[in-house]
Each structure stands twice: as C-alpha cells, then as structure tokens.
PDB file of N, CA and C in Angstrom:
ATOM      1  N   MET A   1     124.339  12.007-227.887  1.00  0.00           N
ATOM      2  CA  MET A   1     125.024  13.287-227.816  1.00  0.00           C
ATOM      3  C   MET A   1     124.116  14.327-227.160  1.00  0.00           C
ATOM      4  N   GLN A   2     124.701  15.101-226.251  1.00  0.00           N
ATOM      5  CA  GLN A   2     123.921  16.122-225.552  1.00  0.00           C
ATOM      6  C   GLN A   2     123.489  17.216-226.491  1.00  0.00           C
ATOM      7  N   LYS A   3     122.257  17.664-226.313  1.00  0.00           N
ATOM      8  CA  LYS A   3     121.754  18.784-227.110  1.00  0.00           C
ATOM      9  C   LYS A   3     122.224  20.080-226.458  1.00  0.00           C
ATOM     10  N   LYS A   4     122.478  21.087-227.303  1.00  0.00           N
ATOM     11  CA  LYS A   4     123.001  22.357-226.800  1.00  0.00           C
ATOM     12  C   LYS A   4     121.929  23.436-226.850  1.00  0.00           C
ATOM     13  N   ILE A   5     121.852  24.198-225.766  1.00  0.00           N
ATOM     14  CA  ILE A   5     120.903  25.294-225.668  1.00  0.00           C
ATOM     15  C   ILE A   5     121.687  26.579-225.415  1.00  0.00           C
ATOM     16  N   LEU A   6     121.489  27.573-226.281  1.00  0.00           N
ATOM     17  CA  LEU A   6     122.124  28.863-226.115  1.00  0.00           C
ATOM     18  C   LEU A   6     121.160  29.781-225.372  1.00  0.00           C
ATOM     19  N   VAL A   7     121.640  30.366-224.271  1.00  0.00           N
ATOM     20  CA  VAL A   7     120.825  31.284-223.462  1.00  0.00           C
ATOM     21  C   VAL A   7     121.453  32.680-223.585  1.00  0.00           C
ATOM     22  N   ALA A   8     120.723  33.613-224.229  1.00  0.00           N
ATOM     23  CA  ALA A   8     121.169  34.999-224.383  1.00  0.00           C
ATOM     24  C   ALA A   8     120.371  35.845-223.406  1.00  0.00           C
ATOM     25  N   GLU A   9     121.022  36.297-222.340  1.00  0.00           N
ATOM     26  CA  GLU A   9     120.360  37.028-221.248  1.00  0.00           C
ATOM     27  C   GLU A   9     121.406  37.878-220.567  1.00  0.00           C
ATOM     28  N   ASP A  10     121.119  39.176-220.425  1.00  0.00           N
ATOM     29  CA  ASP A  10     122.133  40.078-219.842  1.00  0.00           C
ATOM     30  C   ASP A  10     122.191  40.032-218.329  1.00  0.00           C
ATOM     31  N   SER A  11     121.174  39.513-217.658  1.00  0.00           N
ATOM     32  CA  SER A  11     121.190  39.421-216.210  1.00  0.00           C
ATOM     33  C   SER A  11     121.835  38.094-215.779  1.00  0.00           C
ATOM     34  N   PRO A  12     122.984  38.150-215.080  1.00  0.00           N
ATOM     35  CA  PRO A  12     123.630  36.918-214.621  1.00  0.00           C
ATOM     36  C   PRO A  12     122.688  36.059-213.739  1.00  0.00           C
ATOM     37  N   THR A  13     121.885  36.720-212.921  1.00  0.00           N
ATOM     38  CA  THR A  13     120.949  35.979-212.050  1.00  0.00           C
ATOM     39  C   THR A  13     119.928  35.215-212.868  1.00  0.00           C
ATOM     40  N   MET A  14     119.351  35.882-213.873  1.00  0.00           N
ATOM     41  CA  MET A  14     118.343  35.225-214.719  1.00  0.00           C
ATOM     42  C   MET A  14     119.002  34.130-215.564  1.00  0.00           C
ATOM     43  N   ARG A  15     120.230  34.367-216.062  1.00  0.00           N
ATOM     44  CA  ARG A  15     120.940  33.317-216.818  1.00  0.00           C
ATOM     45  C   ARG A  15     121.120  32.086-215.952  1.00  0.00           C
ATOM     46  N   TYR A  16     121.503  32.314-214.693  1.00  0.00           N
ATOM     47  CA  TYR A  16     121.704  31.202-213.766  1.00  0.00           C
ATOM     48  C   TYR A  16     120.388  30.459-213.546  1.00  0.00           C
ATOM     49  N   LEU A  17     119.291  31.189-213.342  1.00  0.00           N
ATOM     50  CA  LEU A  17     117.988  30.561-213.116  1.00  0.00           C
ATOM     51  C   LEU A  17     117.560  29.725-214.319  1.00  0.00           C
ATOM     52  N   ILE A  18     117.729  30.261-215.513  1.00  0.00           N
ATOM     53  CA  ILE A  18     117.365  29.521-216.733  1.00  0.00           C
ATOM     54  C   ILE A  18     118.271  28.287-216.897  1.00  0.00           C
ATOM     55  N   ALA A  19     119.587  28.474-216.705  1.00  0.00           N
ATOM     56  CA  ALA A  19     120.519  27.344-216.822  1.00  0.00           C
ATOM     57  C   ALA A  19     120.220  26.258-215.802  1.00  0.00           C
ATOM     58  N   SER A  20     119.869  26.646-214.579  1.00  0.00           N
ATOM     59  CA  SER A  20     119.511  25.669-213.537  1.00  0.00           C
ATOM     60  C   SER A  20     118.255  24.913-213.893  1.00  0.00           C
ATOM     61  N   THR A  21     117.293  25.621-214.464  1.00  0.00           N
ATOM     62  CA  THR A  21     116.024  24.994-214.874  1.00  0.00           C
ATOM     63  C   THR A  21     116.320  23.957-215.965  1.00  0.00           C
ATOM     64  N   ILE A  22     117.202  24.297-216.888  1.00  0.00           N
ATOM     65  CA  ILE A  22     117.570  23.367-217.967  1.00  0.00           C
ATOM     66  C   ILE A  22     118.358  22.193-217.398  1.00  0.00           C
ATOM     67  N   ALA A  23     119.303  22.477-216.479  1.00  0.00           N
ATOM     68  CA  ALA A  23     120.142  21.425-215.888  1.00  0.00           C
ATOM     69  C   ALA A  23     119.295  20.375-215.163  1.00  0.00           C
ATOM     70  N   ALA A  24     118.173  20.807-214.579  1.00  0.00           N
ATOM     71  CA  ALA A  24     117.314  19.876-213.849  1.00  0.00           C
ATOM     72  C   ALA A  24     116.713  18.828-214.793  1.00  0.00           C
ATOM     73  N   LEU A  25     116.667  19.125-216.085  1.00  0.00           N
ATOM     74  CA  LEU A  25     116.147  18.158-217.062  1.00  0.00           C
ATOM     75  C   LEU A  25     117.138  17.063-217.376  1.00  0.00           C
ATOM     76  N   GLY A  26     118.426  17.322-217.113  1.00  0.00           N
ATOM     77  CA  GLY A  26     119.430  16.308-217.387  1.00  0.00           C
ATOM     78  C   GLY A  26     120.292  16.618-218.595  1.00  0.00           C
ATOM     79  N   ASP A  27     120.091  15.914-219.668  1.00  0.00           N
ATOM     80  CA  ASP A  27     121.030  15.806-220.773  1.00  0.00           C
ATOM     81  C   ASP A  27     121.159  16.991-221.719  1.00  0.00           C
ATOM     82  N   PHE A  28     121.450  18.172-221.212  1.00  0.00           N
ATOM     83  CA  PHE A  28     121.622  19.328-222.076  1.00  0.00           C
ATOM     84  C   PHE A  28     122.875  20.099-221.691  1.00  0.00           C
ATOM     85  N   THR A  29     123.521  20.677-222.666  1.00  0.00           N
ATOM     86  CA  THR A  29     124.647  21.585-222.435  1.00  0.00           C
ATOM     87  C   THR A  29     124.118  23.002-222.625  1.00  0.00           C
ATOM     88  N   VAL A  30     124.375  23.877-221.665  1.00  0.00           N
ATOM     89  CA  VAL A  30     123.936  25.269-221.780  1.00  0.00           C
ATOM     90  C   VAL A  30     125.148  26.135-222.138  1.00  0.00           C
ATOM     91  N   ILE A  31     124.967  26.929-223.175  1.00  0.00           N
ATOM     92  CA  ILE A  31     125.991  27.902-223.593  1.00  0.00           C
ATOM     93  C   ILE A  31     125.407  29.269-223.276  1.00  0.00           C
ATOM     94  N   GLU A  32     126.138  30.061-222.507  1.00  0.00           N
ATOM     95  CA  GLU A  32     125.623  31.351-222.058  1.00  0.00           C
ATOM     96  C   GLU A  32     126.215  32.521-222.848  1.00  0.00           C
ATOM     97  N   ALA A  33     125.340  33.481-223.161  1.00  0.00           N
ATOM     98  CA  ALA A  33     125.743  34.716-223.815  1.00  0.00           C
ATOM     99  C   ALA A  33     125.164  35.863-222.989  1.00  0.00           C
ATOM    100  N   GLY A  34     125.983  36.889-222.719  1.00  0.00           N
ATOM    101  CA  GLY A  34     125.571  38.006-221.902  1.00  0.00           C
ATOM    102  C   GLY A  34     124.758  39.052-222.634  1.00  0.00           C
ATOM    103  N   ASN A  35     124.684  38.914-223.966  1.00  0.00           N
ATOM    104  CA  ASN A  35     123.905  39.850-224.772  1.00  0.00           C
ATOM    105  C   ASN A  35     123.724  39.260-226.163  1.00  0.00           C
ATOM    106  N   GLY A  36     122.936  39.956-227.013  1.00  0.00           N
ATOM    107  CA  GLY A  36     122.662  39.466-228.351  1.00  0.00           C
ATOM    108  C   GLY A  36     123.873  39.405-229.250  1.00  0.00           C
ATOM    109  N   PHE A  37     124.770  40.387-229.094  1.00  0.00           N
ATOM    110  CA  PHE A  37     125.991  40.416-229.900  1.00  0.00           C
ATOM    111  C   PHE A  37     126.842  39.185-229.612  1.00  0.00           C
ATOM    112  N   GLU A  38     126.984  38.888-228.316  1.00  0.00           N
ATOM    113  CA  GLU A  38     127.774  37.714-227.915  1.00  0.00           C
ATOM    114  C   GLU A  38     127.134  36.428-228.476  1.00  0.00           C
ATOM    115  N   ALA A  39     125.803  36.354-228.458  1.00  0.00           N
ATOM    116  CA  ALA A  39     125.092  35.188-229.012  1.00  0.00           C
ATOM    117  C   ALA A  39     125.415  35.033-230.510  1.00  0.00           C
ATOM    118  N   LEU A  40     125.393  36.152-231.212  1.00  0.00           N
ATOM    119  CA  LEU A  40     125.689  36.104-232.658  1.00  0.00           C
ATOM    120  C   LEU A  40     127.138  35.697-232.943  1.00  0.00           C
ATOM    121  N   ARG A  41     128.044  36.010-232.027  1.00  0.00           N
ATOM    122  CA  ARG A  41     129.439  35.578-232.172  1.00  0.00           C
ATOM    123  C   ARG A  41     129.582  34.069-231.933  1.00  0.00           C
ATOM    124  N   ILE A  42     128.744  33.525-231.059  1.00  0.00           N
ATOM    125  CA  ILE A  42     128.810  32.092-230.713  1.00  0.00           C
ATOM    126  C   ILE A  42     128.213  31.215-231.819  1.00  0.00           C
ATOM    127  N   LEU A  43     127.095  31.642-232.394  1.00  0.00           N
ATOM    128  CA  LEU A  43     126.337  30.789-233.319  1.00  0.00           C
ATOM    129  C   LEU A  43     127.120  30.213-234.484  1.00  0.00           C
ATOM    130  N   PRO A  44     128.014  30.938-235.142  1.00  0.00           N
ATOM    131  CA  PRO A  44     128.740  30.321-236.256  1.00  0.00           C
ATOM    132  C   PRO A  44     129.704  29.204-235.825  1.00  0.00           C
ATOM    133  N   HIS A  45     130.051  29.163-234.549  1.00  0.00           N
ATOM    134  CA  HIS A  45     131.037  28.209-234.050  1.00  0.00           C
ATOM    135  C   HIS A  45     130.453  27.046-233.263  1.00  0.00           C
ATOM    136  N   GLU A  46     129.202  27.150-232.904  1.00  0.00           N
ATOM    137  CA  GLU A  46     128.538  26.105-232.114  1.00  0.00           C
ATOM    138  C   GLU A  46     127.222  25.741-232.794  1.00  0.00           C
ATOM    139  N   LYS A  47     126.976  24.465-232.989  1.00  0.00           N
ATOM    140  CA  LYS A  47     125.667  24.042-233.519  1.00  0.00           C
ATOM    141  C   LYS A  47     124.747  23.873-232.320  1.00  0.00           C
ATOM    142  N   VAL A  48     123.793  24.813-232.178  1.00  0.00           N
ATOM    143  CA  VAL A  48     122.884  24.710-231.026  1.00  0.00           C
ATOM    144  C   VAL A  48     121.526  24.174-231.501  1.00  0.00           C
ATOM    145  N   ASP A  49     120.823  23.525-230.573  1.00  0.00           N
ATOM    146  CA  ASP A  49     119.546  22.892-230.857  1.00  0.00           C
ATOM    147  C   ASP A  49     118.364  23.767-230.455  1.00  0.00           C
ATOM    148  N   LEU A  50     118.630  24.783-229.623  1.00  0.00           N
ATOM    149  CA  LEU A  50     117.578  25.667-229.139  1.00  0.00           C
ATOM    150  C   LEU A  50     118.232  26.980-228.719  1.00  0.00           C
ATOM    151  N   VAL A  51     117.531  28.090-228.943  1.00  0.00           N
ATOM    152  CA  VAL A  51     118.003  29.399-228.479  1.00  0.00           C
ATOM    153  C   VAL A  51     116.926  29.987-227.573  1.00  0.00           C
ATOM    154  N   ILE A  52     117.354  30.484-226.414  1.00  0.00           N
ATOM    155  CA  ILE A  52     116.465  31.188-225.492  1.00  0.00           C
ATOM    156  C   ILE A  52     117.033  32.592-225.334  1.00  0.00           C
ATOM    157  N   THR A  53     116.188  33.612-225.543  1.00  0.00           N
ATOM    158  CA  THR A  53     116.682  34.986-225.437  1.00  0.00           C
ATOM    159  C   THR A  53     115.730  35.887-224.661  1.00  0.00           C
ATOM    160  N   ASP A  54     116.322  36.877-224.028  1.00  0.00           N
ATOM    161  CA  ASP A  54     115.589  37.962-223.422  1.00  0.00           C
ATOM    162  C   ASP A  54     115.358  38.986-224.512  1.00  0.00           C
ATOM    163  N   ILE A  55     114.440  39.950-224.292  1.00  0.00           N
ATOM    164  CA  ILE A  55     114.256  41.022-225.269  1.00  0.00           C
ATOM    165  C   ILE A  55     115.164  42.199-224.919  1.00  0.00           C
ATOM    166  N   ASN A  56     115.091  42.673-223.680  1.00  0.00           N
ATOM    167  CA  ASN A  56     115.828  43.887-223.281  1.00  0.00           C
ATOM    168  C   ASN A  56     117.274  43.564-222.942  1.00  0.00           C
ATOM    169  N   MET A  57     118.157  43.763-223.923  1.00  0.00           N
ATOM    170  CA  MET A  57     119.582  43.526-223.722  1.00  0.00           C
ATOM    171  C   MET A  57     120.339  44.673-224.402  1.00  0.00           C
ATOM    172  N   PRO A  58     121.576  44.947-223.916  1.00  0.00           N
ATOM    173  CA  PRO A  58     122.394  45.980-224.574  1.00  0.00           C
ATOM    174  C   PRO A  58     122.863  45.467-225.958  1.00  0.00           C
ATOM    175  N   ASP A  59     123.381  46.359-226.731  1.00  0.00           N
ATOM    176  CA  ASP A  59     123.889  46.042-228.085  1.00  0.00           C
ATOM    177  C   ASP A  59     122.758  45.626-229.007  1.00  0.00           C
ATOM    178  N   ILE A  60     122.552  44.343-229.126  1.00  0.00           N
ATOM    179  CA  ILE A  60     121.502  43.802-229.998  1.00  0.00           C
ATOM    180  C   ILE A  60     120.411  43.236-229.091  1.00  0.00           C
ATOM    181  N   ASN A  61     119.190  43.751-229.224  1.00  0.00           N
ATOM    182  CA  ASN A  61     118.126  43.250-228.330  1.00  0.00           C
ATOM    183  C   ASN A  61     117.613  41.898-228.824  1.00  0.00           C
ATOM    184  N   GLY A  62     116.779  41.268-228.032  1.00  0.00           N
ATOM    185  CA  GLY A  62     116.308  39.937-228.336  1.00  0.00           C
ATOM    186  C   GLY A  62     115.492  39.831-229.618  1.00  0.00           C
ATOM    187  N   LEU A  63     114.716  40.862-229.934  1.00  0.00           N
ATOM    188  CA  LEU A  63     113.926  40.838-231.155  1.00  0.00           C
ATOM    189  C   LEU A  63     114.834  40.911-232.374  1.00  0.00           C
ATOM    190  N   GLU A  64     115.888  41.737-232.301  1.00  0.00           N
ATOM    191  CA  GLU A  64     116.873  41.801-233.376  1.00  0.00           C
ATOM    192  C   GLU A  64     117.588  40.453-233.521  1.00  0.00           C
ATOM    193  N   LEU A  65     117.895  39.843-232.372  1.00  0.00           N
ATOM    194  CA  LEU A  65     118.569  38.541-232.377  1.00  0.00           C
ATOM    195  C   LEU A  65     117.709  37.486-233.067  1.00  0.00           C
ATOM    196  N   VAL A  66     116.416  37.463-232.731  1.00  0.00           N
ATOM    197  CA  VAL A  66     115.497  36.519-233.358  1.00  0.00           C
ATOM    198  C   VAL A  66     115.517  36.732-234.895  1.00  0.00           C
ATOM    199  N   SER A  67     115.451  37.986-235.309  1.00  0.00           N
ATOM    200  CA  SER A  67     115.487  38.312-236.744  1.00  0.00           C
ATOM    201  C   SER A  67     116.760  37.794-237.433  1.00  0.00           C
ATOM    202  N   PHE A  68     117.910  38.084-236.820  1.00  0.00           N
ATOM    203  CA  PHE A  68     119.187  37.641-237.368  1.00  0.00           C
ATOM    204  C   PHE A  68     119.236  36.111-237.459  1.00  0.00           C
ATOM    205  N   ILE A  69     118.798  35.444-236.408  1.00  0.00           N
ATOM    206  CA  ILE A  69     118.856  33.978-236.388  1.00  0.00           C
ATOM    207  C   ILE A  69     117.966  33.395-237.467  1.00  0.00           C
ATOM    208  N   ARG A  70     116.777  33.928-237.625  1.00  0.00           N
ATOM    209  CA  ARG A  70     115.821  33.414-238.632  1.00  0.00           C
ATOM    210  C   ARG A  70     116.321  33.653-240.063  1.00  0.00           C
ATOM    211  N   GLN A  71     117.234  34.611-240.254  1.00  0.00           N
ATOM    212  CA  GLN A  71     117.789  34.871-241.589  1.00  0.00           C
ATOM    213  C   GLN A  71     118.938  33.924-241.935  1.00  0.00           C
ATOM    214  N   SER A  72     119.455  33.213-240.924  1.00  0.00           N
ATOM    215  CA  SER A  72     120.570  32.300-241.140  1.00  0.00           C
ATOM    216  C   SER A  72     120.058  30.933-241.608  1.00  0.00           C
ATOM    217  N   PRO A  73     120.583  30.441-242.749  1.00  0.00           N
ATOM    218  CA  PRO A  73     120.129  29.140-243.223  1.00  0.00           C
ATOM    219  C   PRO A  73     120.372  28.024-242.194  1.00  0.00           C
ATOM    220  N   ASN A  74     121.409  28.149-241.394  1.00  0.00           N
ATOM    221  CA  ASN A  74     121.730  27.104-240.393  1.00  0.00           C
ATOM    222  C   ASN A  74     120.738  27.093-239.227  1.00  0.00           C
ATOM    223  N   TYR A  75     120.047  28.203-238.991  1.00  0.00           N
ATOM    224  CA  TYR A  75     119.186  28.303-237.805  1.00  0.00           C
ATOM    225  C   TYR A  75     117.745  28.680-238.126  1.00  0.00           C
ATOM    226  N   ARG A  76     117.385  28.618-239.403  1.00  0.00           N
ATOM    227  CA  ARG A  76     116.049  29.024-239.832  1.00  0.00           C
ATOM    228  C   ARG A  76     114.943  28.254-239.092  1.00  0.00           C
ATOM    229  N   THR A  77     115.202  26.968-238.802  1.00  0.00           N
ATOM    230  CA  THR A  77     114.165  26.123-238.178  1.00  0.00           C
ATOM    231  C   THR A  77     114.499  25.742-236.742  1.00  0.00           C
ATOM    232  N   THR A  78     115.566  26.276-236.182  1.00  0.00           N
ATOM    233  CA  THR A  78     115.951  25.982-234.799  1.00  0.00           C
ATOM    234  C   THR A  78     114.899  26.558-233.851  1.00  0.00           C
ATOM    235  N   PRO A  79     114.416  25.764-232.884  1.00  0.00           N
ATOM    236  CA  PRO A  79     113.464  26.340-231.916  1.00  0.00           C
ATOM    237  C   PRO A  79     114.059  27.529-231.182  1.00  0.00           C
ATOM    238  N   LEU A  80     113.222  28.541-230.964  1.00  0.00           N
ATOM    239  CA  LEU A  80     113.679  29.783-230.363  1.00  0.00           C
ATOM    240  C   LEU A  80     112.605  30.278-229.395  1.00  0.00           C
ATOM    241  N   PHE A  81     112.994  30.463-228.143  1.00  0.00           N
ATOM    242  CA  PHE A  81     112.060  30.952-227.110  1.00  0.00           C
ATOM    243  C   PHE A  81     112.498  32.336-226.655  1.00  0.00           C
ATOM    244  N   ILE A  82     111.502  33.181-226.377  1.00  0.00           N
ATOM    245  CA  ILE A  82     111.750  34.477-225.761  1.00  0.00           C
ATOM    246  C   ILE A  82     111.259  34.398-224.324  1.00  0.00           C
ATOM    247  N   ILE A  83     112.100  34.860-223.378  1.00  0.00           N
ATOM    248  CA  ILE A  83     111.691  34.997-221.985  1.00  0.00           C
ATOM    249  C   ILE A  83     111.926  36.449-221.620  1.00  0.00           C
ATOM    250  N   SER A  84     110.874  37.187-221.314  1.00  0.00           N
ATOM    251  CA  SER A  84     111.022  38.624-221.128  1.00  0.00           C
ATOM    252  C   SER A  84     110.064  39.182-220.084  1.00  0.00           C
ATOM    253  N   THR A  85     110.431  40.346-219.548  1.00  0.00           N
ATOM    254  CA  THR A  85     109.506  41.071-218.661  1.00  0.00           C
ATOM    255  C   THR A  85     108.452  41.773-219.486  1.00  0.00           C
ATOM    256  N   GLU A  86     108.701  41.914-220.803  1.00  0.00           N
ATOM    257  CA  GLU A  86     107.745  42.565-221.687  1.00  0.00           C
ATOM    258  C   GLU A  86     106.613  41.599-221.993  1.00  0.00           C
ATOM    259  N   GLY A  87     105.461  41.807-221.308  1.00  0.00           N
ATOM    260  CA  GLY A  87     104.386  40.824-221.418  1.00  0.00           C
ATOM    261  C   GLY A  87     103.160  41.275-222.185  1.00  0.00           C
ATOM    262  N   SER A  88     103.232  42.439-222.851  1.00  0.00           N
ATOM    263  CA  SER A  88     102.037  42.925-223.553  1.00  0.00           C
ATOM    264  C   SER A  88     101.756  42.052-224.778  1.00  0.00           C
ATOM    265  N   ALA A  89     100.517  42.064-225.210  1.00  0.00           N
ATOM    266  CA  ALA A  89     100.118  41.299-226.392  1.00  0.00           C
ATOM    267  C   ALA A  89     100.932  41.753-227.601  1.00  0.00           C
ATOM    268  N   ARG A  90     101.212  43.069-227.679  1.00  0.00           N
ATOM    269  CA  ARG A  90     101.981  43.597-228.803  1.00  0.00           C
ATOM    270  C   ARG A  90     103.397  43.030-228.834  1.00  0.00           C
ATOM    271  N   ASP A  91     104.045  42.982-227.655  1.00  0.00           N
ATOM    272  CA  ASP A  91     105.411  42.429-227.576  1.00  0.00           C
ATOM    273  C   ASP A  91     105.398  40.950-227.963  1.00  0.00           C
ATOM    274  N   ARG A  92     104.427  40.219-227.450  1.00  0.00           N
ATOM    275  CA  ARG A  92     104.325  38.781-227.734  1.00  0.00           C
ATOM    276  C   ARG A  92     104.106  38.557-229.238  1.00  0.00           C
ATOM    277  N   GLU A  93     103.180  39.320-229.816  1.00  0.00           N
ATOM    278  CA  GLU A  93     102.900  39.176-231.262  1.00  0.00           C
ATOM    279  C   GLU A  93     104.126  39.515-232.088  1.00  0.00           C
ATOM    280  N   LYS A  94     104.853  40.565-231.704  1.00  0.00           N
ATOM    281  CA  LYS A  94     106.076  40.947-232.412  1.00  0.00           C
ATOM    282  C   LYS A  94     107.110  39.826-232.391  1.00  0.00           C
ATOM    283  N   GLY A  95     107.341  39.277-231.195  1.00  0.00           N
ATOM    284  CA  GLY A  95     108.300  38.170-231.057  1.00  0.00           C
ATOM    285  C   GLY A  95     107.922  36.944-231.873  1.00  0.00           C
ATOM    286  N   MET A  96     106.638  36.604-231.830  1.00  0.00           N
ATOM    287  CA  MET A  96     106.176  35.430-232.570  1.00  0.00           C
ATOM    288  C   MET A  96     106.215  35.675-234.081  1.00  0.00           C
ATOM    289  N   SER A  97     105.883  36.900-234.497  1.00  0.00           N
ATOM    290  CA  SER A  97     105.883  37.203-235.940  1.00  0.00           C
ATOM    291  C   SER A  97     107.310  37.182-236.516  1.00  0.00           C
ATOM    292  N   LEU A  98     108.296  37.483-235.674  1.00  0.00           N
ATOM    293  CA  LEU A  98     109.703  37.429-236.116  1.00  0.00           C
ATOM    294  C   LEU A  98     110.243  36.016-236.195  1.00  0.00           C
ATOM    295  N   GLY A  99     109.514  35.069-235.578  1.00  0.00           N
ATOM    296  CA  GLY A  99     109.928  33.673-235.693  1.00  0.00           C
ATOM    297  C   GLY A  99     110.155  32.932-234.392  1.00  0.00           C
ATOM    298  N   ALA A 100     109.822  33.534-233.248  1.00  0.00           N
ATOM    299  CA  ALA A 100     109.946  32.802-231.977  1.00  0.00           C
ATOM    300  C   ALA A 100     108.927  31.689-231.940  1.00  0.00           C
ATOM    301  N   ASN A 101     109.278  30.561-231.322  1.00  0.00           N
ATOM    302  CA  ASN A 101     108.354  29.431-231.189  1.00  0.00           C
ATOM    303  C   ASN A 101     107.520  29.536-229.915  1.00  0.00           C
ATOM    304  N   ALA A 102     108.077  30.213-228.912  1.00  0.00           N
ATOM    305  CA  ALA A 102     107.374  30.353-227.623  1.00  0.00           C
ATOM    306  C   ALA A 102     107.786  31.666-226.981  1.00  0.00           C
ATOM    307  N   TYR A 103     106.909  32.167-226.109  1.00  0.00           N
ATOM    308  CA  TYR A 103     107.153  33.456-225.446  1.00  0.00           C
ATOM    309  C   TYR A 103     106.713  33.295-223.996  1.00  0.00           C
ATOM    310  N   LEU A 104     107.659  33.380-223.081  1.00  0.00           N
ATOM    311  CA  LEU A 104     107.353  33.293-221.659  1.00  0.00           C
ATOM    312  C   LEU A 104     107.589  34.652-221.007  1.00  0.00           C
ATOM    313  N   VAL A 105     106.750  34.992-220.049  1.00  0.00           N
ATOM    314  CA  VAL A 105     106.874  36.265-219.355  1.00  0.00           C
ATOM    315  C   VAL A 105     107.533  36.014-217.980  1.00  0.00           C
ATOM    316  N   LYS A 106     108.524  36.829-217.646  1.00  0.00           N
ATOM    317  CA  LYS A 106     109.175  36.746-216.323  1.00  0.00           C
ATOM    318  C   LYS A 106     108.243  37.362-215.274  1.00  0.00           C
ATOM    319  N   PRO A 107     108.159  36.804-214.096  1.00  0.00           N
ATOM    320  CA  PRO A 107     108.765  35.538-213.697  1.00  0.00           C
ATOM    321  C   PRO A 107     107.986  34.371-214.319  1.00  0.00           C
ATOM    322  N   PHE A 108     108.730  33.389-214.779  1.00  0.00           N
ATOM    323  CA  PHE A 108     108.102  32.234-215.422  1.00  0.00           C
ATOM    324  C   PHE A 108     108.175  31.026-214.484  1.00  0.00           C
ATOM    325  N   ALA A 109     107.297  30.056-214.719  1.00  0.00           N
ATOM    326  CA  ALA A 109     107.339  28.822-213.932  1.00  0.00           C
ATOM    327  C   ALA A 109     108.381  27.903-214.572  1.00  0.00           C
ATOM    328  N   PRO A 110     109.356  27.446-213.783  1.00  0.00           N
ATOM    329  CA  PRO A 110     110.378  26.535-214.355  1.00  0.00           C
ATOM    330  C   PRO A 110     109.776  25.349-215.099  1.00  0.00           C
ATOM    331  N   GLU A 111     108.675  24.834-214.575  1.00  0.00           N
ATOM    332  CA  GLU A 111     108.023  23.666-215.209  1.00  0.00           C
ATOM    333  C   GLU A 111     107.536  24.015-216.613  1.00  0.00           C
ATOM    334  N   GLU A 112     107.116  25.253-216.800  1.00  0.00           N
ATOM    335  CA  GLU A 112     106.635  25.683-218.103  1.00  0.00           C
ATOM    336  C   GLU A 112     107.789  25.674-219.122  1.00  0.00           C
ATOM    337  N   LEU A 113     108.934  26.201-218.723  1.00  0.00           N
ATOM    338  CA  LEU A 113     110.114  26.185-219.600  1.00  0.00           C
ATOM    339  C   LEU A 113     110.547  24.756-219.886  1.00  0.00           C
ATOM    340  N   GLN A 114     110.590  23.919-218.856  1.00  0.00           N
ATOM    341  CA  GLN A 114     110.999  22.513-219.032  1.00  0.00           C
ATOM    342  C   GLN A 114     110.057  21.791-219.996  1.00  0.00           C
ATOM    343  N   SER A 115     108.758  22.054-219.858  1.00  0.00           N
ATOM    344  CA  SER A 115     107.782  21.417-220.741  1.00  0.00           C
ATOM    345  C   SER A 115     107.984  21.832-222.190  1.00  0.00           C
ATOM    346  N   LEU A 116     108.255  23.123-222.408  1.00  0.00           N
ATOM    347  CA  LEU A 116     108.515  23.598-223.786  1.00  0.00           C
ATOM    348  C   LEU A 116     109.786  22.958-224.358  1.00  0.00           C
ATOM    349  N   ILE A 117     110.826  22.853-223.542  1.00  0.00           N
ATOM    350  CA  ILE A 117     112.072  22.245-223.995  1.00  0.00           C
ATOM    351  C   ILE A 117     111.822  20.797-224.401  1.00  0.00           C
ATOM    352  N   ARG A 118     111.093  20.047-223.577  1.00  0.00           N
ATOM    353  CA  ARG A 118     110.764  18.665-223.903  1.00  0.00           C
ATOM    354  C   ARG A 118     109.953  18.589-225.192  1.00  0.00           C
ATOM    355  N   GLN A 119     108.999  19.497-225.332  1.00  0.00           N
ATOM    356  CA  GLN A 119     108.127  19.522-226.518  1.00  0.00           C
ATOM    357  C   GLN A 119     108.953  19.761-227.800  1.00  0.00           C
ATOM    358  N   TYR A 120     109.873  20.697-227.755  1.00  0.00           N
ATOM    359  CA  TYR A 120     110.617  21.067-228.969  1.00  0.00           C
ATOM    360  C   TYR A 120     111.859  20.219-229.211  1.00  0.00           C
ATOM    361  N   LEU A 121     112.440  19.648-228.172  1.00  0.00           N
ATOM    362  CA  LEU A 121     113.662  18.856-228.351  1.00  0.00           C
ATOM    363  C   LEU A 121     113.423  17.383-228.146  1.00  0.00           C
ATOM    364  N   GLY A 122     112.164  17.000-227.958  1.00  0.00           N
ATOM    365  CA  GLY A 122     111.809  15.589-227.899  1.00  0.00           C
ATOM    366  C   GLY A 122     112.401  14.819-226.737  1.00  0.00           C
ATOM    367  N   GLU A 123     112.596  15.530-225.611  1.00  0.00           N
ATOM    368  CA  GLU A 123     113.159  14.859-224.420  1.00  0.00           C
ATOM    369  C   GLU A 123     112.051  14.437-223.494  1.00  0.00           C
TER     370      GLU A 123
END
C-alpha cells in the first residue's frame, strides 16, 4: 500500500516542487493543503504517514500546525518535517521543540528531502 504524505504549503510553486521531489521516489501519494487550516481539515479523514509543512502560511501557521498535530493521539508519533525560509537557530529550535522531526531551509536540496523521507518511512 502506498504511503501518504501531506504537504501543507501556501505557495503553489513550492507545493509542486515538494510533490515532484516526492514523486521521484516512487511509491508515495501526496495530499496537498494550501494552508494549515486546510491540513487540519484533511487529517481526520486521511491516515497520513508523514506531514511536511511550511511555517509562514495564512490562517494557521506551520508552528501552530505542528502543535495541533502533536496533540492528536492519531498523529503524536507521525514524522513531521518543516521546510521554511525561516532559517535562524531560534526558528529551528522552536520547530524542533514543538515536535518536528526535521527542519529544512528553503531553498533545499531535493536529495536531502528524499533522504529524510527514506529515513523516516523506511523506503
């Protein structure tokens, strides 16, 4: 069965880039959300194996999304990556302390994201 990856990113171009990077790995289904609120609407209806989020999004930002996801019993241990233009040590520490498993700074190397996906999803 294909593993599902939820990508919460408000930039259509960046969503496409992330989805293409995942598609190059093969056996994954990408579910796209245009913002954190949309991601939270999707999660109760889809069992996802990994969540990738941006920080700067309208409505609910990525850090709030990480917090909400980590409070859900269904997603407490689901791997969660942040990909953001916010690259300061403070931003990274905040994301990781809220429960992110990895933090990539844009622009990121596609190989780095693919390697993390393989590491966390055993592909």
